[in-house]
Amino acid sequence: MNSSVNGSRVLVLNSGSSSVKYQLLDMADGSRLASGIVERIGEGPVADHSAALKQVAEELAGQGLGLDSPALAAVGHRVVHGGTRFTEPTLITDEVVEEIEKLVPLAPLHNPANITGIKVARDLRPDLPQVAVFDTAFHATMPESAARYAVHRETADRYGVRRYGFHGTSHAYVSRATAALLGRDLAEVNTIVLHLGNGASASAVRGGVCVDTSMGLTPLEGLVMGTRSGDLDPAAIFHLARVGGMSVDEIDTLLNKRSGLLGLCGDNDMREIGRRMGEGDPEAQLAFDVYIHRLRKYVGAYAAVLGRVDAIAFTAGVGENSAAVREAALRGLSVFGIEVDAVRNALRGSSTRLISTETSRVAVAVVPTDEELEIASQAYDLVTA
């Protein structure tokens, strides 16, 4: 252990535009000591992120877990976009903050709030090591053939137009947890990870290394999501502008906030869509079918990318809880060695578990994600290295 680090606790902060989520973990055993969220920043008593972080500090102090505790080894910050500059956990300095600020055009909704959280936390504990863990970092291992768009090279390089991928901490955690579930070395296991929440992404992970992912320059590309369209002919944007007279901002709002499941049937909650399907609602059925069709396409594509698939792992809210989505996504794929056990799949649970048949060549797993533990682990490993 680094001689300057005595504690084993890491405070994980996820600073959004109007909320701050936090968890305090003890890396000696991975236990959670505290967790919470401060919402509606900018309204009422929580005037800004400084007030929100002070409230977090007060809540922790009230539990005897104050930020001044010598047991606190580091603060780990979730940062959405690291561009090509940040491809691993990074100790935060003034220079690092300046570099993250330069990446704001790539993540204008997320990075500014992440930066504010970092600045306030550094003001509260300037003596404490603080680490940025980037959503994009896990996907930085993609080969250029996967990361490059077929766009004029100099233009793409000038404006940073390439596939970065997101949900990286989740994909990293889940691919490692899947190998552990199988009792195999991570370097030996090829996994397709399906992170299915309101935002959704898939990744092809070869021996613990990401070789392809569905989200791209932004989190809009790829799978059908709660409110995001996912893959779309780029010319649809020109069509909406020329024929529909829509502005860039209007199209941005349409594709990010009024599309996906919500745009198809008026609901972005898979539970409600399932209820409506049960009542014979054709719009809900179509939304589900479009969602599943896109998901199956990516499973097939990533099976081709990997060449050999050892496991498929479902995670996040929908992936962990919707047996119907898991069954439909993999139905009829026994030709690829993928067989889901209906009884195992139907069982609800909060633990990592296999839902494939005993004879399935490909293991199918449900793996509850733990992005906070992943961030804490990466931060702790860095400051104690």
Protein backbone atom coordinates (compact mmCIF):
# COMPACT_ATOMS: atom_id res chain seq x y z
CA MET A 1 0.00 0.00 0.00
CA ASN A 2 1.12 3.53 -0.73
CA SER A 3 2.62 4.88 2.47
CA SER A 4 0.56 8.08 2.16
CA VAL A 5 -2.73 6.14 2.11
CA ASN A 6 -3.82 4.62 5.42
CA GLY A 7 -7.57 4.21 5.06
CA SER A 8 -9.59 1.66 3.13
CA ARG A 9 -12.73 3.66 2.40
CA VAL A 10 -13.64 5.29 -0.91
CA LEU A 11 -16.44 7.81 -1.40
CA VAL A 12 -17.95 7.47 -4.89
CA LEU A 13 -19.66 10.57 -6.29
CA ASN A 14 -21.87 10.71 -9.36
CA SER A 15 -22.66 14.37 -9.95
CA GLY A 16 -25.49 14.97 -12.41
CA SER A 17 -27.00 18.22 -13.59
CA SER A 18 -29.64 18.25 -10.84
CA SER A 19 -28.56 15.53 -8.42
CA VAL A 20 -25.59 14.01 -6.62
CA LYS A 21 -25.57 10.28 -5.90
CA TYR A 22 -23.05 8.92 -3.43
CA GLN A 23 -21.85 5.68 -1.90
CA LEU A 24 -19.21 5.10 0.74
CA LEU A 25 -17.50 1.72 0.38
CA ASP A 26 -14.90 -0.04 2.49
CA MET A 27 -12.46 -1.70 0.12
CA ALA A 28 -11.19 -3.99 2.86
CA ASP A 29 -14.27 -6.15 2.25
CA GLY A 30 -16.28 -4.33 -0.44
CA SER A 31 -19.03 -3.43 2.03
CA ARG A 32 -21.29 -0.40 1.65
CA LEU A 33 -21.22 1.86 4.65
CA ALA A 34 -23.58 4.53 3.34
CA SER A 35 -25.43 5.61 0.21
CA GLY A 36 -27.83 8.30 -0.81
CA ILE A 37 -28.86 10.96 -3.27
CA VAL A 38 -29.33 14.72 -3.09
CA GLU A 39 -31.88 15.81 -5.67
CA ARG A 40 -33.41 18.99 -7.11
CA ILE A 41 -30.17 20.95 -7.06
CA GLY A 42 -30.92 24.56 -7.90
CA GLU A 43 -34.29 24.43 -6.23
CA GLY A 44 -35.21 25.36 -2.68
CA PRO A 45 -32.60 24.73 0.02
CA VAL A 46 -30.13 22.96 -2.30
CA ALA A 47 -28.97 26.01 -4.19
CA ASP A 48 -26.04 24.48 -6.08
CA HIS A 49 -23.58 21.58 -6.17
CA SER A 50 -21.56 23.12 -3.34
CA ALA A 51 -24.64 22.98 -1.12
CA ALA A 52 -25.37 19.44 -2.31
CA LEU A 53 -21.88 18.17 -1.49
CA LYS A 54 -22.03 19.85 1.91
CA GLN A 55 -25.32 18.04 2.50
CA VAL A 56 -23.63 14.76 1.58
CA ALA A 57 -20.85 15.55 4.06
CA GLU A 58 -23.43 16.31 6.77
CA GLU A 59 -25.36 13.09 6.09
CA LEU A 60 -22.16 11.06 6.34
CA ALA A 61 -21.06 12.89 9.51
CA GLY A 62 -24.45 12.15 11.04
CA GLN A 63 -23.68 8.45 10.62
CA GLY A 64 -20.21 8.80 12.11
CA LEU A 65 -18.63 8.58 8.66
CA GLY A 66 -17.49 12.16 8.16
CA LEU A 67 -15.28 13.29 5.29
CA ASP A 68 -12.59 14.16 7.83
CA SER A 69 -12.23 10.50 8.81
CA PRO A 70 -8.67 9.12 8.49
CA ALA A 71 -10.27 5.92 7.15
CA LEU A 72 -11.17 7.73 3.93
CA ALA A 73 -8.54 6.89 1.31
CA ALA A 74 -9.95 8.61 -1.78
CA VAL A 75 -12.92 10.07 -3.59
CA GLY A 76 -13.85 8.41 -6.88
CA HIS A 77 -15.72 10.53 -9.41
CA ARG A 78 -17.76 9.19 -12.30
CA VAL A 79 -16.95 11.20 -15.44
CA VAL A 80 -18.97 10.36 -18.54
CA HIS A 81 -16.58 11.31 -21.35
CA GLY A 82 -12.82 10.92 -21.39
CA GLY A 83 -12.35 11.21 -25.16
CA THR A 84 -9.10 9.73 -26.41
CA ARG A 85 -7.16 11.60 -23.71
CA PHE A 86 -8.30 9.56 -20.69
CA THR A 87 -8.29 5.79 -21.11
CA GLU A 88 -7.73 4.72 -17.49
CA PRO A 89 -8.50 5.95 -13.95
CA THR A 90 -6.74 9.26 -13.45
CA LEU A 91 -5.58 11.11 -10.35
CA ILE A 92 -7.23 14.52 -10.50
CA THR A 93 -5.04 17.61 -10.73
CA ASP A 94 -5.72 21.14 -11.99
CA GLU A 95 -4.40 20.08 -15.39
CA VAL A 96 -6.71 17.06 -15.50
CA VAL A 97 -9.72 19.26 -14.70
CA GLU A 98 -8.74 21.58 -17.56
CA GLU A 99 -8.47 18.63 -19.95
CA ILE A 100 -11.89 17.29 -18.89
CA GLU A 101 -13.34 20.75 -19.52
CA LYS A 102 -12.02 20.60 -23.08
CA LEU A 103 -14.15 17.48 -23.61
CA VAL A 104 -17.41 19.25 -22.71
CA PRO A 105 -18.45 19.56 -26.41
CA LEU A 106 -18.47 15.74 -26.59
CA ALA A 107 -20.73 15.43 -23.51
CA PRO A 108 -22.42 18.80 -22.95
CA LEU A 109 -25.15 17.36 -20.71
CA HIS A 110 -22.88 15.30 -18.44
CA ASN A 111 -19.28 16.48 -18.20
CA PRO A 112 -20.08 19.98 -16.83
CA ALA A 113 -21.94 18.48 -13.86
CA ASN A 114 -19.15 15.92 -13.34
CA ILE A 115 -16.60 18.74 -13.31
CA THR A 116 -18.61 20.79 -10.82
CA GLY A 117 -18.75 17.81 -8.46
CA ILE A 118 -14.99 17.37 -8.75
CA LYS A 119 -14.26 21.03 -8.00
CA VAL A 120 -16.53 21.15 -4.96
CA ALA A 121 -15.17 17.87 -3.55
CA ARG A 122 -11.61 19.11 -3.99
CA ASP A 123 -12.49 22.29 -2.13
CA LEU A 124 -13.96 20.26 0.73
CA ARG A 125 -10.97 17.91 0.99
CA PRO A 126 -8.01 19.39 -0.92
CA ASP A 127 -5.64 17.02 0.88
CA LEU A 128 -7.43 13.85 -0.22
CA PRO A 129 -6.57 11.91 -3.41
CA GLN A 130 -9.41 12.22 -5.90
CA VAL A 131 -9.74 9.99 -8.94
CA ALA A 132 -11.71 10.37 -12.17
CA VAL A 133 -13.12 7.13 -13.59
CA PHE A 134 -14.42 7.53 -17.13
CA ASP A 135 -17.43 5.80 -18.70
CA THR A 136 -15.57 5.68 -22.01
CA ALA A 137 -12.29 4.24 -20.74
CA PHE A 138 -13.15 0.53 -20.90
CA HIS A 139 -13.92 0.85 -24.60
CA ALA A 140 -10.63 2.57 -25.47
CA THR A 141 -9.19 -0.86 -26.36
CA MET A 142 -11.38 -1.15 -29.44
CA PRO A 143 -9.34 -1.57 -32.63
CA GLU A 144 -9.45 1.32 -35.07
CA SER A 145 -11.55 -0.82 -37.41
CA ALA A 146 -14.32 -0.75 -34.79
CA ALA A 147 -13.79 2.75 -33.42
CA ARG A 148 -13.52 4.57 -36.76
CA TYR A 149 -16.50 5.86 -38.70
CA ALA A 150 -16.15 5.97 -42.47
CA VAL A 151 -16.07 9.77 -42.38
CA HIS A 152 -13.47 12.00 -44.05
CA ARG A 153 -10.45 11.32 -41.87
CA GLU A 154 -9.17 14.86 -41.29
CA THR A 155 -12.66 16.15 -40.49
CA ALA A 156 -13.31 13.27 -38.09
CA ASP A 157 -9.98 13.82 -36.31
CA ARG A 158 -10.48 17.57 -36.08
CA TYR A 159 -13.81 17.24 -34.32
CA GLY A 160 -13.27 13.98 -32.45
CA VAL A 161 -15.86 12.05 -34.45
CA ARG A 162 -15.36 8.37 -33.59
CA ARG A 163 -16.96 5.63 -31.49
CA TYR A 164 -16.15 6.06 -27.80
CA GLY A 165 -18.79 3.90 -26.10
CA PHE A 166 -20.36 4.39 -22.66
CA HIS A 167 -21.46 2.39 -19.59
CA GLY A 168 -17.82 1.29 -19.47
CA THR A 169 -17.65 0.74 -15.71
CA SER A 170 -20.68 -1.55 -15.95
CA HIS A 171 -19.29 -3.53 -18.89
CA ALA A 172 -15.95 -3.91 -17.08
CA TYR A 173 -17.56 -5.12 -13.86
CA VAL A 174 -20.03 -7.47 -15.53
CA SER A 175 -17.51 -9.13 -17.85
CA ARG A 176 -15.22 -9.84 -14.87
CA ALA A 177 -18.10 -11.04 -12.68
CA THR A 178 -19.29 -13.35 -15.46
CA ALA A 179 -15.88 -15.02 -15.71
CA ALA A 180 -15.88 -15.45 -11.93
CA LEU A 181 -19.35 -17.02 -12.08
CA LEU A 182 -18.04 -19.54 -14.61
CA GLY A 183 -14.97 -20.22 -12.46
CA ARG A 184 -12.68 -19.29 -15.33
CA ASP A 185 -9.83 -16.86 -15.83
CA LEU A 186 -11.04 -13.58 -17.32
CA ALA A 187 -8.44 -13.79 -20.09
CA GLU A 188 -10.02 -17.04 -21.32
CA VAL A 189 -13.65 -15.85 -21.59
CA ASN A 190 -15.37 -14.13 -24.51
CA THR A 191 -18.53 -12.36 -23.36
CA ILE A 192 -21.32 -10.37 -24.93
CA VAL A 193 -22.49 -7.91 -22.26
CA LEU A 194 -26.02 -6.49 -22.61
CA HIS A 195 -26.51 -3.47 -20.34
CA LEU A 196 -30.25 -2.90 -20.65
CA GLY A 197 -31.66 -0.01 -18.66
CA ASN A 198 -33.43 3.17 -19.77
CA GLY A 199 -30.13 3.70 -21.56
CA ALA A 200 -28.89 0.51 -23.20
CA SER A 201 -25.66 -0.73 -24.73
CA ALA A 202 -24.00 -3.94 -25.85
CA SER A 203 -20.33 -4.82 -25.92
CA ALA A 204 -18.15 -7.59 -27.28
CA VAL A 205 -15.47 -8.43 -24.69
CA ARG A 206 -12.62 -10.76 -25.63
CA GLY A 207 -10.66 -11.98 -22.62
CA GLY A 208 -11.67 -8.96 -20.54
CA VAL A 209 -10.83 -6.50 -23.34
CA CYS A 210 -13.53 -4.58 -25.19
CA VAL A 211 -13.30 -5.05 -28.97
CA ASP A 212 -16.63 -3.43 -29.95
CA THR A 213 -19.56 -1.60 -28.40
CA SER A 214 -22.90 -0.27 -29.59
CA MET A 215 -22.86 3.32 -28.33
CA GLY A 216 -20.72 5.67 -30.35
CA LEU A 217 -19.72 9.33 -30.38
CA THR A 218 -22.65 9.84 -27.99
CA PRO A 219 -24.95 7.50 -26.05
CA LEU A 220 -27.55 7.84 -28.85
CA GLU A 221 -26.17 5.15 -31.15
CA GLY A 222 -26.94 1.44 -30.96
CA LEU A 223 -29.79 -0.36 -29.22
CA VAL A 224 -33.36 0.90 -28.94
CA MET A 225 -33.61 2.58 -25.52
CA GLY A 226 -36.23 4.09 -23.26
CA THR A 227 -36.32 7.45 -25.00
CA ARG A 228 -33.42 7.23 -27.49
CA SER A 229 -33.78 5.98 -31.05
CA GLY A 230 -30.51 4.06 -31.27
CA ASP A 231 -29.24 3.31 -34.78
CA LEU A 232 -30.74 5.57 -37.44
CA ASP A 233 -30.00 6.47 -41.05
CA PRO A 234 -28.11 9.79 -40.68
CA ALA A 235 -30.03 11.14 -43.67
CA ALA A 236 -33.20 11.03 -41.56
CA ILE A 237 -31.80 14.10 -39.78
CA PHE A 238 -31.40 15.98 -43.08
CA HIS A 239 -34.92 14.91 -44.06
CA LEU A 240 -36.41 16.21 -40.82
CA ALA A 241 -34.56 19.51 -41.26
CA ARG A 242 -35.39 20.02 -44.95
CA VAL A 243 -38.88 18.57 -45.16
CA GLY A 244 -40.04 18.91 -41.57
CA GLY A 245 -38.44 22.31 -41.00
CA MET A 246 -37.04 21.14 -37.66
CA SER A 247 -34.05 22.83 -36.05
CA VAL A 248 -30.95 20.96 -34.87
CA ASP A 249 -32.07 21.36 -31.25
CA GLU A 250 -35.56 20.05 -32.06
CA ILE A 251 -34.12 16.99 -33.80
CA ASP A 252 -31.73 16.43 -30.88
CA THR A 253 -34.66 16.47 -28.46
CA LEU A 254 -36.71 14.19 -30.72
CA LEU A 255 -34.04 11.50 -31.01
CA ASN A 256 -32.81 11.62 -27.41
CA LYS A 257 -35.97 12.30 -25.41
CA ARG A 258 -39.01 11.48 -27.55
CA SER A 259 -37.96 8.34 -29.40
CA GLY A 260 -37.10 4.75 -28.47
CA LEU A 261 -39.83 2.85 -26.61
CA LEU A 262 -41.47 6.13 -25.57
CA GLY A 263 -41.72 7.31 -29.16
CA LEU A 264 -43.07 3.99 -30.39
CA CYS A 265 -45.80 3.42 -27.80
CA GLY A 266 -45.88 6.29 -25.31
CA ASP A 267 -44.20 4.33 -22.49
CA ASN A 268 -40.51 3.84 -21.70
CA ASP A 269 -41.04 1.49 -18.74
CA MET A 270 -40.70 -2.13 -19.85
CA ARG A 271 -42.99 -3.26 -17.03
CA GLU A 272 -45.81 -1.08 -18.30
CA ILE A 273 -45.17 -2.19 -21.87
CA GLY A 274 -45.40 -5.80 -20.73
CA ARG A 275 -48.70 -5.10 -19.00
CA ARG A 276 -50.09 -3.47 -22.14
CA MET A 277 -48.90 -6.36 -24.30
CA GLY A 278 -50.80 -8.71 -22.02
CA GLU A 279 -53.94 -6.74 -22.78
CA GLY A 280 -53.32 -7.06 -26.52
CA ASP A 281 -52.10 -3.51 -27.14
CA PRO A 282 -50.61 -3.48 -30.68
CA GLU A 283 -48.46 -0.36 -30.14
CA ALA A 284 -46.83 -1.87 -27.05
CA GLN A 285 -46.26 -5.12 -28.93
CA LEU A 286 -44.62 -3.31 -31.83
CA ALA A 287 -42.35 -1.34 -29.47
CA PHE A 288 -41.27 -4.58 -27.79
CA ASP A 289 -40.70 -6.29 -31.15
CA VAL A 290 -38.55 -3.41 -32.47
CA TYR A 291 -36.55 -3.40 -29.22
CA ILE A 292 -35.95 -7.17 -29.41
CA HIS A 293 -35.12 -7.15 -33.13
CA ARG A 294 -32.34 -4.60 -32.61
CA LEU A 295 -31.04 -6.51 -29.60
CA ARG A 296 -30.88 -9.81 -31.51
CA LYS A 297 -29.03 -8.11 -34.37
CA TYR A 298 -26.31 -6.98 -31.99
CA VAL A 299 -26.04 -10.41 -30.35
CA GLY A 300 -25.51 -11.94 -33.79
CA ALA A 301 -23.09 -9.24 -34.88
CA TYR A 302 -20.97 -9.57 -31.76
CA ALA A 303 -20.94 -13.34 -32.03
CA ALA A 304 -19.37 -12.80 -35.46
CA VAL A 305 -16.92 -10.20 -34.09
CA LEU A 306 -15.78 -12.49 -31.27
CA GLY A 307 -15.74 -15.69 -33.32
CA ARG A 308 -16.32 -17.74 -30.16
CA VAL A 309 -18.84 -16.75 -27.50
CA ASP A 310 -18.48 -18.28 -24.03
CA ALA A 311 -21.11 -16.20 -22.26
CA ILE A 312 -23.91 -13.69 -22.71
CA ALA A 313 -24.54 -11.51 -19.66
CA PHE A 314 -27.69 -9.47 -19.03
CA THR A 315 -27.43 -6.55 -16.63
CA ALA A 316 -29.05 -3.24 -15.51
CA GLY A 317 -32.73 -2.65 -14.76
CA VAL A 318 -34.34 -4.38 -17.74
CA GLY A 319 -31.60 -6.95 -18.23
CA GLU A 320 -31.72 -8.05 -14.59
CA ASN A 321 -35.49 -8.02 -14.15
CA SER A 322 -37.25 -8.79 -17.43
CA ALA A 323 -37.42 -12.51 -18.11
CA ALA A 324 -39.52 -11.75 -21.20
CA VAL A 325 -36.78 -9.60 -22.75
CA ARG A 326 -34.09 -12.19 -22.02
CA GLU A 327 -36.16 -15.04 -23.47
CA ALA A 328 -37.23 -13.14 -26.59
CA ALA A 329 -33.74 -11.80 -27.30
CA LEU A 330 -32.22 -15.31 -27.39
CA ARG A 331 -35.18 -17.34 -28.64
CA GLY A 332 -34.34 -19.76 -31.46
CA LEU A 333 -30.57 -19.28 -31.25
CA SER A 334 -29.74 -22.89 -30.38
CA VAL A 335 -27.95 -23.10 -33.73
CA PHE A 336 -25.36 -20.79 -32.11
CA GLY A 337 -25.22 -22.97 -28.99
CA ILE A 338 -27.44 -20.59 -26.99
CA GLU A 339 -30.20 -22.22 -24.94
CA VAL A 340 -32.14 -20.49 -22.16
CA ASP A 341 -33.74 -22.59 -19.42
CA ALA A 342 -37.32 -21.32 -19.06
CA VAL A 343 -37.58 -22.21 -15.36
CA ARG A 344 -34.25 -20.64 -14.41
CA ASN A 345 -35.03 -17.55 -16.47
CA ALA A 346 -38.39 -17.05 -14.79
CA LEU A 347 -36.95 -17.12 -11.27
CA ARG A 348 -36.46 -13.66 -9.79
CA GLY A 349 -33.40 -12.88 -7.71
CA SER A 350 -30.81 -10.26 -6.89
CA SER A 351 -27.75 -12.50 -7.20
CA THR A 352 -25.51 -13.39 -10.10
CA ARG A 353 -26.89 -16.55 -11.68
CA LEU A 354 -26.95 -18.76 -14.76
CA ILE A 355 -30.19 -19.06 -16.74
CA SER A 356 -28.90 -21.27 -19.57
CA THR A 357 -29.64 -24.99 -19.90
CA GLU A 358 -27.15 -27.62 -18.78
CA THR A 359 -26.46 -28.46 -22.45
CA SER A 360 -26.08 -24.88 -23.71
CA ARG A 361 -22.61 -24.34 -25.22
CA VAL A 362 -22.89 -20.65 -24.37
CA ALA A 363 -23.48 -19.71 -20.74
CA VAL A 364 -26.29 -17.18 -20.31
CA ALA A 365 -26.10 -15.18 -17.08
CA VAL A 366 -27.91 -12.49 -15.17
CA VAL A 367 -25.28 -10.30 -13.49
CA PRO A 368 -26.44 -7.38 -11.33
CA THR A 369 -24.13 -4.52 -12.19
CA ASP A 370 -22.24 -2.55 -9.55
CA GLU A 371 -20.76 0.55 -11.14
CA GLU A 372 -20.07 2.18 -7.78
CA LEU A 373 -17.98 -0.76 -6.62
CA GLU A 374 -16.12 -0.71 -9.93
CA ILE A 375 -15.37 3.01 -9.58
CA ALA A 376 -14.30 2.54 -5.95
CA SER A 377 -12.06 -0.40 -6.87
CA GLN A 378 -10.37 1.47 -9.69
CA ALA A 379 -9.85 4.56 -7.53
CA TYR A 380 -8.52 2.57 -4.61
CA ASP A 381 -6.16 0.53 -6.78
CA LEU A 382 -4.75 3.74 -8.25
CA VAL A 383 -4.12 5.57 -4.98
CA THR A 384 -2.62 2.51 -3.28
CA ALA A 385 -0.46 1.39 -6.20
